[in-house]
Amino acid sequence: MPRLLAMNRGAALFAAVTLAASPPSSVQVRGDGGLSCATWLSTQTAYGYGNEWVWGFWTGANAVSAAAGTTDGKVGRSTDNLGIVGEVRKICEAEPSIHLFAAAARTFNRFRDAGL
């Protein structure tokens, strides 16, 4: 039981950190999430790898938020993968210097808050 409680606290903490508007300096973002939006949008190759990162981030955020009890784990159910990436892209085009992580987290939060 203590292990389960610790896991739930860890999941809640992870969800809170992961779903922040931008990563705290103490969080190391792995993979393409650490790229600037400008870099993500600069080539087809970077864009393709970034899309896969966004989908993985989204799946992980859904899993963690469901485990923490903050969502039903189906944030984004109103669209498909390309729709999600399209919404992330809108943020990146408007703010090319932010990290892909921040744009994806903002999009996830917006979808979550709107029940999409």
C-alpha atoms as a PDB file:
ATOM      1  CA  MET A   1       0.000   0.000   0.000  1.00  0.00           C
ATOM      2  CA  PRO A   2       2.738   2.596   0.752  1.00  0.00           C
ATOM      3  CA  ARG A   3       4.257   1.879  -2.661  1.00  0.00           C
ATOM      4  CA  LEU A   4       0.903   2.487  -4.376  1.00  0.00           C
ATOM      5  CA  LEU A   5       0.423   5.739  -2.474  1.00  0.00           C
ATOM      6  CA  ALA A   6       3.905   6.876  -3.436  1.00  0.00           C
ATOM      7  CA  MET A   7       3.181   6.001  -7.075  1.00  0.00           C
ATOM      8  CA  ASN A   8      -0.050   8.043  -7.012  1.00  0.00           C
ATOM      9  CA  ARG A   9       1.739  11.026  -5.493  1.00  0.00           C
ATOM     10  CA  GLY A  10       4.463  10.637  -8.092  1.00  0.00           C
ATOM     11  CA  ALA A  11       1.908  10.458 -10.892  1.00  0.00           C
ATOM     12  CA  ALA A  12       0.161  13.585  -9.621  1.00  0.00           C
ATOM     13  CA  LEU A  13       3.446  15.461  -9.323  1.00  0.00           C
ATOM     14  CA  PHE A  14       4.517  14.314 -12.786  1.00  0.00           C
ATOM     15  CA  ALA A  15       1.184  15.425 -14.240  1.00  0.00           C
ATOM     16  CA  ALA A  16       1.450  18.840 -12.609  1.00  0.00           C
ATOM     17  CA  VAL A  17       4.981  19.374 -13.909  1.00  0.00           C
ATOM     18  CA  THR A  18       4.328  17.885 -17.342  1.00  0.00           C
ATOM     19  CA  LEU A  19       1.203  19.879 -17.973  1.00  0.00           C
ATOM     20  CA  ALA A  20       2.607  23.232 -16.938  1.00  0.00           C
ATOM     21  CA  ALA A  21       2.577  25.909 -19.623  1.00  0.00           C
ATOM     22  CA  SER A  22       6.330  25.610 -19.924  1.00  0.00           C
ATOM     23  CA  PRO A  23       8.840  23.231 -18.417  1.00  0.00           C
ATOM     24  CA  PRO A  24      10.416  24.333 -15.148  1.00  0.00           C
ATOM     25  CA  SER A  25      14.173  24.683 -15.383  1.00  0.00           C
ATOM     26  CA  SER A  26      14.529  21.616 -13.139  1.00  0.00           C
ATOM     27  CA  VAL A  27      12.799  19.371 -15.717  1.00  0.00           C
ATOM     28  CA  GLN A  28      14.923  17.939 -18.486  1.00  0.00           C
ATOM     29  CA  VAL A  29      12.820  17.488 -21.603  1.00  0.00           C
ATOM     30  CA  ARG A  30      13.987  14.570 -23.740  1.00  0.00           C
ATOM     31  CA  GLY A  31      13.767  14.223 -27.486  1.00  0.00           C
ATOM     32  CA  ASP A  32      12.315  16.730 -29.871  1.00  0.00           C
ATOM     33  CA  GLY A  33      10.215  18.379 -27.162  1.00  0.00           C
ATOM     34  CA  GLY A  34      13.297  20.387 -26.252  1.00  0.00           C
ATOM     35  CA  LEU A  35      13.545  21.903 -29.735  1.00  0.00           C
ATOM     36  CA  SER A  36      12.367  25.414 -30.397  1.00  0.00           C
ATOM     37  CA  CYS A  37       9.221  25.665 -32.440  1.00  0.00           C
ATOM     38  CA  ALA A  38      11.267  27.361 -35.169  1.00  0.00           C
ATOM     39  CA  THR A  39      13.531  24.317 -35.425  1.00  0.00           C
ATOM     40  CA  TRP A  40      10.546  21.935 -35.431  1.00  0.00           C
ATOM     41  CA  LEU A  41       8.979  23.838 -38.315  1.00  0.00           C
ATOM     42  CA  SER A  42      12.235  24.291 -40.249  1.00  0.00           C
ATOM     43  CA  THR A  43      12.340  21.013 -42.220  1.00  0.00           C
ATOM     44  CA  GLN A  44      10.015  18.166 -43.153  1.00  0.00           C
ATOM     45  CA  THR A  45      12.270  15.732 -41.287  1.00  0.00           C
ATOM     46  CA  ALA A  46      12.249  17.779 -38.075  1.00  0.00           C
ATOM     47  CA  TYR A  47       8.498  18.269 -38.427  1.00  0.00           C
ATOM     48  CA  GLY A  48       7.909  14.540 -38.836  1.00  0.00           C
ATOM     49  CA  TYR A  49       9.998  13.610 -35.792  1.00  0.00           C
ATOM     50  CA  GLY A  50       8.377  16.392 -33.794  1.00  0.00           C
ATOM     51  CA  ASN A  51       4.920  15.115 -34.694  1.00  0.00           C
ATOM     52  CA  GLU A  52       5.814  11.716 -33.296  1.00  0.00           C
ATOM     53  CA  TRP A  53       7.116  13.378 -30.138  1.00  0.00           C
ATOM     54  CA  VAL A  54       3.844  15.326 -29.748  1.00  0.00           C
ATOM     55  CA  TRP A  55       1.796  12.136 -30.095  1.00  0.00           C
ATOM     56  CA  GLY A  56       3.947  10.371 -27.515  1.00  0.00           C
ATOM     57  CA  PHE A  57       3.730  13.337 -25.163  1.00  0.00           C
ATOM     58  CA  TRP A  58      -0.046  13.444 -25.598  1.00  0.00           C
ATOM     59  CA  THR A  59      -0.421   9.734 -24.888  1.00  0.00           C
ATOM     60  CA  GLY A  60       1.786  10.019 -21.800  1.00  0.00           C
ATOM     61  CA  ALA A  61      -0.054  13.105 -20.549  1.00  0.00           C
ATOM     62  CA  ASN A  62      -3.380  11.293 -20.962  1.00  0.00           C
ATOM     63  CA  ALA A  63      -2.073   8.224 -19.134  1.00  0.00           C
ATOM     64  CA  VAL A  64      -0.600  10.201 -16.245  1.00  0.00           C
ATOM     65  CA  SER A  65      -3.578  12.518 -15.849  1.00  0.00           C
ATOM     66  CA  ALA A  66      -5.946   9.523 -15.848  1.00  0.00           C
ATOM     67  CA  ALA A  67      -3.818   7.754 -13.228  1.00  0.00           C
ATOM     68  CA  ALA A  68      -3.817  10.925 -11.120  1.00  0.00           C
ATOM     69  CA  GLY A  69      -7.594  11.197 -11.508  1.00  0.00           C
ATOM     70  CA  THR A  70      -7.491  14.629 -13.129  1.00  0.00           C
ATOM     71  CA  THR A  71      -8.964  13.485 -16.478  1.00  0.00           C
ATOM     72  CA  ASP A  72     -10.625  10.430 -17.978  1.00  0.00           C
ATOM     73  CA  GLY A  73      -7.504   9.854 -20.104  1.00  0.00           C
ATOM     74  CA  LYS A  74      -9.252  10.849 -23.321  1.00  0.00           C
ATOM     75  CA  VAL A  75      -8.162  14.446 -23.815  1.00  0.00           C
ATOM     76  CA  GLY A  76      -8.135  15.092 -27.546  1.00  0.00           C
ATOM     77  CA  ARG A  77     -10.982  12.709 -28.338  1.00  0.00           C
ATOM     78  CA  SER A  78     -12.617  15.417 -30.456  1.00  0.00           C
ATOM     79  CA  THR A  79      -9.980  15.158 -33.182  1.00  0.00           C
ATOM     80  CA  ASP A  80      -7.241  12.919 -34.588  1.00  0.00           C
ATOM     81  CA  ASN A  81      -3.442  13.017 -34.504  1.00  0.00           C
ATOM     82  CA  LEU A  82      -3.148  15.540 -37.318  1.00  0.00           C
ATOM     83  CA  GLY A  83      -5.718  17.795 -35.666  1.00  0.00           C
ATOM     84  CA  ILE A  84      -3.698  17.813 -32.448  1.00  0.00           C
ATOM     85  CA  VAL A  85      -0.463  18.593 -34.301  1.00  0.00           C
ATOM     86  CA  GLY A  86      -2.259  21.324 -36.239  1.00  0.00           C
ATOM     87  CA  GLU A  87      -3.255  23.025 -32.982  1.00  0.00           C
ATOM     88  CA  VAL A  88       0.296  22.735 -31.615  1.00  0.00           C
ATOM     89  CA  ARG A  89       1.588  24.175 -34.883  1.00  0.00           C
ATOM     90  CA  LYS A  90      -0.641  27.260 -34.522  1.00  0.00           C
ATOM     91  CA  ILE A  91       1.032  28.067 -31.204  1.00  0.00           C
ATOM     92  CA  CYS A  92       4.479  27.404 -32.657  1.00  0.00           C
ATOM     93  CA  GLU A  93       3.881  29.645 -35.647  1.00  0.00           C
ATOM     94  CA  ALA A  94       2.801  32.463 -33.335  1.00  0.00           C
ATOM     95  CA  GLU A  95       5.679  31.928 -30.881  1.00  0.00           C
ATOM     96  CA  PRO A  96       8.606  30.310 -32.725  1.00  0.00           C
ATOM     97  CA  SER A  97      11.087  30.739 -29.877  1.00  0.00           C
ATOM     98  CA  ILE A  98       9.223  28.588 -27.334  1.00  0.00           C
ATOM     99  CA  HIS A  99       9.923  24.877 -26.969  1.00  0.00           C
ATOM    100  CA  LEU A 100       7.775  22.261 -28.658  1.00  0.00           C
ATOM    101  CA  PHE A 101       7.110  20.898 -25.146  1.00  0.00           C
ATOM    102  CA  ALA A 102       5.519  24.188 -24.087  1.00  0.00           C
ATOM    103  CA  ALA A 103       3.335  24.367 -27.192  1.00  0.00           C
ATOM    104  CA  ALA A 104       2.185  20.761 -26.758  1.00  0.00           C
ATOM    105  CA  ALA A 105       1.467  21.277 -23.043  1.00  0.00           C
ATOM    106  CA  ARG A 106      -0.540  24.441 -23.730  1.00  0.00           C
ATOM    107  CA  THR A 107      -2.547  22.640 -26.380  1.00  0.00           C
ATOM    108  CA  PHE A 108      -3.194  19.680 -24.080  1.00  0.00           C
ATOM    109  CA  ASN A 109      -4.305  22.022 -21.285  1.00  0.00           C
ATOM    110  CA  ARG A 110      -6.630  23.916 -23.618  1.00  0.00           C
ATOM    111  CA  PHE A 111      -8.218  20.690 -24.843  1.00  0.00           C
ATOM    112  CA  ARG A 112      -8.494  19.394 -21.267  1.00  0.00           C
ATOM    113  CA  ASP A 113     -10.073  22.589 -19.962  1.00  0.00           C
ATOM    114  CA  ALA A 114     -12.568  22.696 -22.847  1.00  0.00           C
ATOM    115  CA  GLY A 115     -13.469  19.003 -22.497  1.00  0.00           C
ATOM    116  CA  LEU A 116     -12.317  18.265 -26.035  1.00  0.00           C
END
